[in-house]
């Protein structure tokens, strides 16, 4: 069993809160929901269905949950970027960049390029 946590969820109306709990109730893999302080703990099996994962991802995006928690599931296990990029279909799904943020440009490579450019201009 895996516990996913929504921290300090902000609801914009009582209807918004009711809609979220109704949504959770319609996700087949959600076994239990428990509020502990400002956190909401959602208990799901370690291998939920793909449809349930898609719904949970959408719910976490909508209510500001940390998507990094989904790395616990085997289908989202972090793989080195080259093999992840090879899987084009997975790399371009809407949740991919939330789970596997693209690293910023290598600052050392950028600095090197800048220095080479400066040297070439100085030599010219």
N, C-alpha and C. Protein backbone atom coordinates (compact mmCIF):
# COMPACT_ATOMS: atom_id res chain seq x y z
N UNK A 1 0.85 -1.18 0.00
CA UNK A 1 0.00 0.00 0.00
C UNK A 1 0.89 1.24 0.00
N UNK A 2 0.55 2.19 -0.83
CA UNK A 2 1.30 3.44 -0.94
C UNK A 2 0.41 4.57 -0.43
N UNK A 3 1.01 5.50 0.30
CA UNK A 3 0.28 6.66 0.80
C UNK A 3 0.71 7.89 0.03
N UNK A 4 -0.24 8.51 -0.64
CA UNK A 4 -0.01 9.79 -1.32
C UNK A 4 -0.57 10.88 -0.42
N UNK A 5 0.11 12.01 -0.35
CA UNK A 5 -0.31 13.07 0.57
C UNK A 5 -0.57 14.37 -0.16
N UNK A 6 -1.71 14.96 0.11
CA UNK A 6 -2.02 16.32 -0.34
C UNK A 6 -1.83 17.22 0.87
N UNK A 7 -0.92 18.16 0.78
CA UNK A 7 -0.62 19.05 1.90
C UNK A 7 -1.37 20.37 1.74
N UNK A 8 -2.02 20.79 2.79
CA UNK A 8 -2.67 22.10 2.85
C UNK A 8 -3.43 22.45 1.58
N UNK A 9 -4.31 21.57 1.19
CA UNK A 9 -5.10 21.77 -0.02
C UNK A 9 -6.00 22.98 0.15
N UNK A 10 -6.02 23.83 -0.87
CA UNK A 10 -6.84 25.04 -0.83
C UNK A 10 -8.09 24.81 -1.67
N UNK A 11 -9.23 24.94 -1.04
CA UNK A 11 -10.50 24.81 -1.74
C UNK A 11 -11.09 26.21 -1.90
N UNK A 12 -11.69 26.45 -3.05
CA UNK A 12 -12.22 27.78 -3.33
C UNK A 12 -13.69 27.92 -2.95
N UNK A 13 -14.33 26.81 -2.63
CA UNK A 13 -15.72 26.85 -2.17
C UNK A 13 -16.05 25.50 -1.56
N UNK A 14 -17.13 25.41 -0.81
CA UNK A 14 -17.54 24.12 -0.27
C UNK A 14 -17.83 23.11 -1.39
N UNK A 15 -18.34 23.59 -2.51
CA UNK A 15 -18.61 22.71 -3.66
C UNK A 15 -17.32 22.15 -4.25
N UNK A 16 -16.25 22.96 -4.24
CA UNK A 16 -14.95 22.52 -4.73
C UNK A 16 -14.42 21.38 -3.86
N UNK A 17 -14.57 21.53 -2.56
CA UNK A 17 -14.13 20.48 -1.63
C UNK A 17 -14.95 19.21 -1.83
N UNK A 18 -16.25 19.36 -1.96
CA UNK A 18 -17.13 18.20 -2.17
C UNK A 18 -16.78 17.50 -3.48
N UNK A 19 -16.46 18.29 -4.52
CA UNK A 19 -16.11 17.71 -5.82
C UNK A 19 -14.83 16.88 -5.73
N UNK A 20 -13.85 17.37 -4.95
CA UNK A 20 -12.61 16.61 -4.83
C UNK A 20 -12.84 15.26 -4.14
N UNK A 21 -13.62 15.27 -3.06
CA UNK A 21 -13.88 14.01 -2.35
C UNK A 21 -14.74 13.07 -3.19
N UNK A 22 -15.64 13.63 -3.97
CA UNK A 22 -16.44 12.79 -4.87
C UNK A 22 -15.54 12.17 -5.94
N UNK A 23 -14.61 12.99 -6.47
CA UNK A 23 -13.65 12.52 -7.47
C UNK A 23 -12.83 11.37 -6.89
N UNK A 24 -12.33 11.55 -5.67
CA UNK A 24 -11.55 10.48 -5.02
C UNK A 24 -12.38 9.21 -4.87
N UNK A 25 -13.66 9.38 -4.58
CA UNK A 25 -14.54 8.23 -4.40
C UNK A 25 -14.78 7.44 -5.68
N UNK A 26 -14.58 8.09 -6.82
CA UNK A 26 -14.79 7.43 -8.12
C UNK A 26 -13.53 6.77 -8.67
N UNK A 27 -12.39 6.95 -8.01
CA UNK A 27 -11.14 6.35 -8.47
C UNK A 27 -11.05 4.95 -7.85
N UNK A 28 -11.12 3.90 -8.68
CA UNK A 28 -11.18 2.53 -8.15
C UNK A 28 -10.01 2.13 -7.26
N UNK A 29 -8.81 2.62 -7.52
CA UNK A 29 -7.64 2.20 -6.74
C UNK A 29 -7.53 2.88 -5.39
N UNK A 30 -8.30 3.92 -5.14
CA UNK A 30 -8.24 4.60 -3.84
C UNK A 30 -8.93 3.72 -2.81
N UNK A 31 -8.16 3.22 -1.86
CA UNK A 31 -8.69 2.30 -0.85
C UNK A 31 -9.18 3.03 0.40
N UNK A 32 -8.50 4.12 0.74
CA UNK A 32 -8.87 4.85 1.95
C UNK A 32 -8.37 6.28 1.85
N UNK A 33 -9.12 7.20 2.42
CA UNK A 33 -8.72 8.61 2.48
C UNK A 33 -8.82 9.02 3.94
N UNK A 34 -7.74 9.66 4.45
CA UNK A 34 -7.71 10.02 5.86
C UNK A 34 -7.10 11.40 6.01
N UNK A 35 -7.78 12.25 6.74
CA UNK A 35 -7.26 13.57 7.04
C UNK A 35 -6.48 13.55 8.33
N UNK A 36 -5.24 14.01 8.28
CA UNK A 36 -4.41 14.09 9.48
C UNK A 36 -3.86 15.51 9.54
N UNK A 37 -4.39 16.30 10.45
CA UNK A 37 -4.01 17.71 10.52
C UNK A 37 -4.34 18.39 9.21
N UNK A 38 -3.40 19.17 8.66
CA UNK A 38 -3.67 19.86 7.39
C UNK A 38 -3.42 18.97 6.16
N UNK A 39 -3.08 17.71 6.39
CA UNK A 39 -2.75 16.80 5.29
C UNK A 39 -3.87 15.82 5.01
N UNK A 40 -3.97 15.43 3.76
CA UNK A 40 -4.94 14.42 3.36
C UNK A 40 -4.14 13.23 2.83
N UNK A 41 -4.28 12.08 3.48
CA UNK A 41 -3.56 10.88 3.09
C UNK A 41 -4.47 10.00 2.25
N UNK A 42 -3.96 9.63 1.07
CA UNK A 42 -4.72 8.80 0.13
C UNK A 42 -3.98 7.48 -0.01
N UNK A 43 -4.64 6.39 0.33
CA UNK A 43 -4.02 5.08 0.32
C UNK A 43 -4.42 4.34 -0.96
N UNK A 44 -3.40 3.92 -1.71
CA UNK A 44 -3.63 3.19 -2.96
C UNK A 44 -2.70 1.97 -2.99
N UNK A 45 -3.04 0.94 -3.77
CA UNK A 45 -2.15 -0.22 -3.88
C UNK A 45 -0.83 0.17 -4.54
N UNK A 46 0.19 -0.64 -4.34
CA UNK A 46 1.50 -0.32 -4.92
C UNK A 46 1.51 -0.42 -6.45
N UNK A 47 0.54 -1.14 -7.02
CA UNK A 47 0.41 -1.23 -8.48
C UNK A 47 -1.02 -0.90 -8.90
N UNK A 48 -1.40 0.39 -8.84
CA UNK A 48 -2.76 0.76 -9.24
C UNK A 48 -2.92 0.68 -10.76
N UNK A 49 -4.15 0.68 -11.22
CA UNK A 49 -4.40 0.62 -12.66
C UNK A 49 -3.93 1.92 -13.33
N UNK A 50 -3.69 1.85 -14.63
CA UNK A 50 -3.26 3.04 -15.37
C UNK A 50 -4.33 4.13 -15.33
N UNK A 51 -5.60 3.71 -15.44
CA UNK A 51 -6.70 4.68 -15.40
C UNK A 51 -6.73 5.40 -14.05
N UNK A 52 -6.52 4.65 -12.97
CA UNK A 52 -6.50 5.26 -11.63
C UNK A 52 -5.32 6.21 -11.48
N UNK A 53 -4.16 5.83 -12.00
CA UNK A 53 -3.00 6.71 -11.92
C UNK A 53 -3.24 8.01 -12.69
N UNK A 54 -3.86 7.90 -13.86
CA UNK A 54 -4.16 9.09 -14.65
C UNK A 54 -5.09 10.02 -13.87
N UNK A 55 -6.10 9.45 -13.23
CA UNK A 55 -7.04 10.25 -12.44
C UNK A 55 -6.34 10.89 -11.24
N UNK A 56 -5.49 10.11 -10.57
CA UNK A 56 -4.76 10.66 -9.42
C UNK A 56 -3.81 11.77 -9.84
N UNK A 57 -3.14 11.59 -10.96
CA UNK A 57 -2.25 12.65 -11.47
C UNK A 57 -3.04 13.92 -11.76
N UNK A 58 -4.20 13.77 -12.39
CA UNK A 58 -5.03 14.93 -12.70
C UNK A 58 -5.50 15.61 -11.41
N UNK A 59 -5.90 14.81 -10.43
CA UNK A 59 -6.36 15.35 -9.16
C UNK A 59 -5.24 16.10 -8.45
N UNK A 60 -4.04 15.52 -8.46
CA UNK A 60 -2.91 16.18 -7.80
C UNK A 60 -2.51 17.46 -8.52
N UNK A 61 -2.62 17.48 -9.84
CA UNK A 61 -2.34 18.72 -10.57
C UNK A 61 -3.38 19.78 -10.22
N UNK A 62 -4.64 19.39 -10.21
CA UNK A 62 -5.73 20.33 -9.94
C UNK A 62 -5.64 20.93 -8.54
N UNK A 63 -5.29 20.10 -7.55
CA UNK A 63 -5.29 20.57 -6.16
C UNK A 63 -3.89 20.83 -5.61
N UNK A 64 -2.90 20.90 -6.46
CA UNK A 64 -1.56 21.33 -6.05
C UNK A 64 -0.76 20.32 -5.25
N UNK A 65 -0.99 19.04 -5.47
CA UNK A 65 -0.21 18.02 -4.78
C UNK A 65 1.16 17.84 -5.40
N UNK A 66 2.09 17.32 -4.63
CA UNK A 66 3.46 17.09 -5.12
C UNK A 66 3.47 15.85 -6.02
N UNK A 67 3.70 16.06 -7.31
CA UNK A 67 3.69 14.95 -8.26
C UNK A 67 4.91 14.04 -8.10
N UNK A 68 5.93 14.52 -7.42
CA UNK A 68 7.13 13.70 -7.21
C UNK A 68 6.79 12.42 -6.43
N UNK A 69 5.69 12.41 -5.71
CA UNK A 69 5.27 11.21 -4.96
C UNK A 69 4.98 10.03 -5.89
N UNK A 70 4.66 10.31 -7.14
CA UNK A 70 4.30 9.25 -8.07
C UNK A 70 5.51 8.45 -8.54
N UNK A 71 6.71 8.92 -8.22
CA UNK A 71 7.91 8.16 -8.56
C UNK A 71 7.98 6.84 -7.79
N UNK A 72 7.13 6.66 -6.82
CA UNK A 72 7.10 5.40 -6.04
C UNK A 72 6.53 4.25 -6.86
N UNK A 73 5.77 4.57 -7.88
CA UNK A 73 5.14 3.53 -8.68
C UNK A 73 6.09 3.06 -9.77
N UNK A 74 6.16 1.75 -10.00
CA UNK A 74 7.11 1.19 -10.97
C UNK A 74 7.02 1.83 -12.35
N UNK A 75 5.82 2.15 -12.82
CA UNK A 75 5.71 2.71 -14.17
C UNK A 75 6.26 4.13 -14.25
N UNK A 76 6.48 4.80 -13.10
CA UNK A 76 7.04 6.14 -13.09
C UNK A 76 8.45 6.16 -12.52
N UNK A 77 9.03 4.99 -12.32
CA UNK A 77 10.37 4.95 -11.72
C UNK A 77 11.31 5.79 -12.56
N UNK A 78 12.12 6.59 -11.89
CA UNK A 78 13.01 7.51 -12.59
C UNK A 78 14.07 6.73 -13.37
N UNK A 79 14.17 7.06 -14.61
CA UNK A 79 15.19 6.46 -15.46
C UNK A 79 16.07 7.58 -15.95
N UNK A 80 17.31 7.28 -16.31
CA UNK A 80 18.17 8.33 -16.83
C UNK A 80 17.51 9.00 -18.03
N UNK A 81 17.73 10.28 -18.19
CA UNK A 81 17.05 11.05 -19.22
C UNK A 81 17.17 10.47 -20.63
N UNK A 82 18.34 9.99 -21.08
CA UNK A 82 18.39 9.47 -22.45
C UNK A 82 17.37 8.37 -22.73
N UNK A 83 17.20 7.42 -21.82
CA UNK A 83 16.23 6.35 -22.08
C UNK A 83 14.81 6.88 -21.96
N UNK A 84 14.61 7.87 -21.11
CA UNK A 84 13.28 8.46 -20.99
C UNK A 84 12.92 9.20 -22.27
N UNK A 85 13.90 9.87 -22.86
CA UNK A 85 13.64 10.60 -24.09
C UNK A 85 13.39 9.64 -25.24
N UNK A 86 14.05 8.47 -25.21
CA UNK A 86 13.82 7.48 -26.26
C UNK A 86 12.37 7.03 -26.27
N UNK A 87 11.75 7.03 -25.12
CA UNK A 87 10.34 6.65 -25.04
C UNK A 87 9.51 7.89 -25.38
N UNK A 88 9.43 8.22 -26.64
CA UNK A 88 8.77 9.45 -27.09
C UNK A 88 7.33 9.57 -26.58
N UNK A 89 6.60 8.50 -26.64
CA UNK A 89 5.20 8.56 -26.23
C UNK A 89 5.08 9.00 -24.78
N UNK A 90 5.92 8.45 -23.92
CA UNK A 90 5.87 8.81 -22.50
C UNK A 90 6.44 10.20 -22.27
N UNK A 91 7.47 10.57 -23.00
CA UNK A 91 8.14 11.85 -22.77
C UNK A 91 7.25 13.04 -23.09
N UNK A 92 6.25 12.85 -23.94
CA UNK A 92 5.43 13.99 -24.32
C UNK A 92 4.04 13.98 -23.70
N UNK A 93 3.82 13.13 -22.71
CA UNK A 93 2.55 13.17 -22.01
C UNK A 93 2.57 14.37 -21.06
N UNK A 94 1.42 14.87 -20.71
CA UNK A 94 1.32 16.11 -19.95
C UNK A 94 1.96 16.04 -18.57
N UNK A 95 2.05 14.87 -17.97
CA UNK A 95 2.58 14.76 -16.61
C UNK A 95 4.09 14.56 -16.58
N UNK A 96 4.71 14.24 -17.72
CA UNK A 96 6.11 13.84 -17.73
C UNK A 96 7.03 14.92 -17.15
N UNK A 97 6.86 16.17 -17.58
CA UNK A 97 7.75 17.22 -17.09
C UNK A 97 7.55 17.52 -15.62
N UNK A 98 6.37 17.20 -15.08
CA UNK A 98 6.15 17.40 -13.64
C UNK A 98 6.89 16.34 -12.82
N UNK A 99 6.95 15.12 -13.36
CA UNK A 99 7.63 14.05 -12.64
C UNK A 99 9.13 14.06 -12.87
N UNK A 100 9.54 14.40 -14.08
CA UNK A 100 10.95 14.40 -14.45
C UNK A 100 11.32 15.76 -15.00
N UNK A 101 11.53 16.76 -14.15
CA UNK A 101 11.86 18.09 -14.64
C UNK A 101 13.13 18.06 -15.48
N UNK A 102 13.10 18.78 -16.59
CA UNK A 102 14.26 18.83 -17.45
C UNK A 102 15.31 19.68 -16.75
N UNK A 103 16.53 19.14 -16.61
CA UNK A 103 17.57 19.91 -15.92
C UNK A 103 17.88 21.19 -16.68
N UNK A 104 18.22 22.23 -15.94
CA UNK A 104 18.57 23.49 -16.59
C UNK A 104 19.85 23.30 -17.39
N UNK A 105 20.07 24.21 -18.30
CA UNK A 105 21.26 24.11 -19.15
C UNK A 105 22.50 24.01 -18.27
N UNK A 106 23.41 23.18 -18.67
CA UNK A 106 24.64 22.98 -17.90
C UNK A 106 25.40 24.30 -17.86
N UNK A 107 25.48 24.88 -16.68
CA UNK A 107 26.11 26.19 -16.55
C UNK A 107 27.57 26.15 -16.94
N UNK A 108 28.28 25.04 -16.67
CA UNK A 108 29.69 24.97 -17.04
C UNK A 108 29.85 24.97 -18.55
N UNK A 109 28.98 24.26 -19.26
CA UNK A 109 29.04 24.25 -20.73
C UNK A 109 28.71 25.63 -21.28
N UNK A 110 27.73 26.30 -20.67
CA UNK A 110 27.37 27.65 -21.11
C UNK A 110 28.53 28.60 -20.88
N UNK A 111 29.16 28.48 -19.72
CA UNK A 111 30.30 29.34 -19.41
C UNK A 111 31.44 29.09 -20.39
N UNK A 112 31.71 27.81 -20.70
CA UNK A 112 32.76 27.47 -21.66
C UNK A 112 32.48 28.10 -23.02
N UNK A 113 31.24 28.00 -23.49
CA UNK A 113 30.88 28.58 -24.79
C UNK A 113 31.07 30.08 -24.77
N UNK A 114 30.72 30.71 -23.66
CA UNK A 114 30.88 32.16 -23.54
C UNK A 114 32.35 32.55 -23.64
N UNK A 115 33.22 31.79 -22.92
CA UNK A 115 34.66 32.09 -22.94
C UNK A 115 35.24 31.93 -24.34
N UNK A 116 34.85 30.86 -25.03
CA UNK A 116 35.36 30.61 -26.39
C UNK A 116 34.92 31.74 -27.29
N UNK A 117 33.68 32.19 -27.18
CA UNK A 117 33.18 33.30 -27.99
C UNK A 117 33.93 34.58 -27.71
N UNK A 118 34.25 34.83 -26.44
CA UNK A 118 35.00 36.04 -26.08
C UNK A 118 36.41 35.99 -26.65
N UNK A 119 37.04 34.80 -26.59
CA UNK A 119 38.40 34.68 -27.14
C UNK A 119 38.40 34.92 -28.64
N UNK A 120 37.41 34.35 -29.33
CA UNK A 120 37.35 34.53 -30.79
C UNK A 120 37.15 36.01 -31.14
N UNK A 121 36.33 36.70 -30.40
CA UNK A 121 36.11 38.14 -30.67
C UNK A 121 37.38 38.91 -30.38
N UNK A 122 38.10 38.55 -29.33
CA UNK A 122 39.35 39.26 -28.97
C UNK A 122 40.42 39.03 -30.02
N UNK A 123 40.47 37.81 -30.61
CA UNK A 123 41.46 37.50 -31.64
C UNK A 123 41.15 38.18 -32.96
N UNK A 124 39.90 38.48 -33.20
CA UNK A 124 39.51 39.07 -34.50
C UNK A 124 39.84 40.51 -34.62
